[in-house]
Amino acid sequence: MSDGVEAATIGAQKSTLRDSLRAQRHTFVASHADALHDSALELAERLAWWTMVRGAGTVTAYASRGDEPHTDALLDAIKAQSVRVLLPVITSPTQLQWSPYLSLSDLELSERGIREPNGPRYESNVLSGVDLMIVPALAITTDGVRLGQGGGYYDRVLSLVRPDVPIIAMIYDHELLPAGAIPHEAHDVRVTHVCTPNDGLRAVKPASATP
């Protein structure tokens, strides 16, 4: 199978999986709204504490939307630790820039329905200096393969961070899938941790890292 055909096949498989996961997520969130709000507050404090313990000076995160795990409290909790928080700004169909998070009231709704800061913007090469990344996802496998919404933005930028930087995906507990459940290519950058409402922060390990 040629690289082009293989990539197209993987893309089609991912698209089908996304449709299923989005439907499951919507149903789950609708029936657990109050509990998820409470857990988001608890996770915000725990992740902010972990960030402080690691001595992180700059963290990337994102402003949640729709059925995504809530990050509002998390953004404020991390910033309260005197950590510089950068949020993504979509500037083209293929490119992200990054802007400092100041407060929830500072965020503006973009044409794509994403809350973004309105301050100075930096190119993605700023990621070479970050100490931790918090990223959205639809699902993660136990060996760190990430399935996003399909825009490809994070697929392109995750390779820009240092290899020792923790990459934490925010998902719901049922979205942590067995290894092999998400189609992927060899060059895909994997996350190092997941954060879920019930289990909190936990590390995921690529199969190649298993002794």
Foldseek 3Di string as FASTA:
>chain_A
DDPVVLVVVLLVVLVVVLVVLVVVLLVVCVVCVVLLVVLLLVLLQVVLVVCVVVVWQEEEAFQDDDSFRHCQNNVVSNVVSVHWYWYWDDDDLAATKIDTDDHPVQWDQDPVRGTHHPDDTGGLLCQQPGQEYEDEASAAELAFDTHHPPSCRCQVRVVNYDPPHAYEYEYAPVRHHHPPPRDDDPSGDGGQWYAHSPPGIDGGHHPVPDD
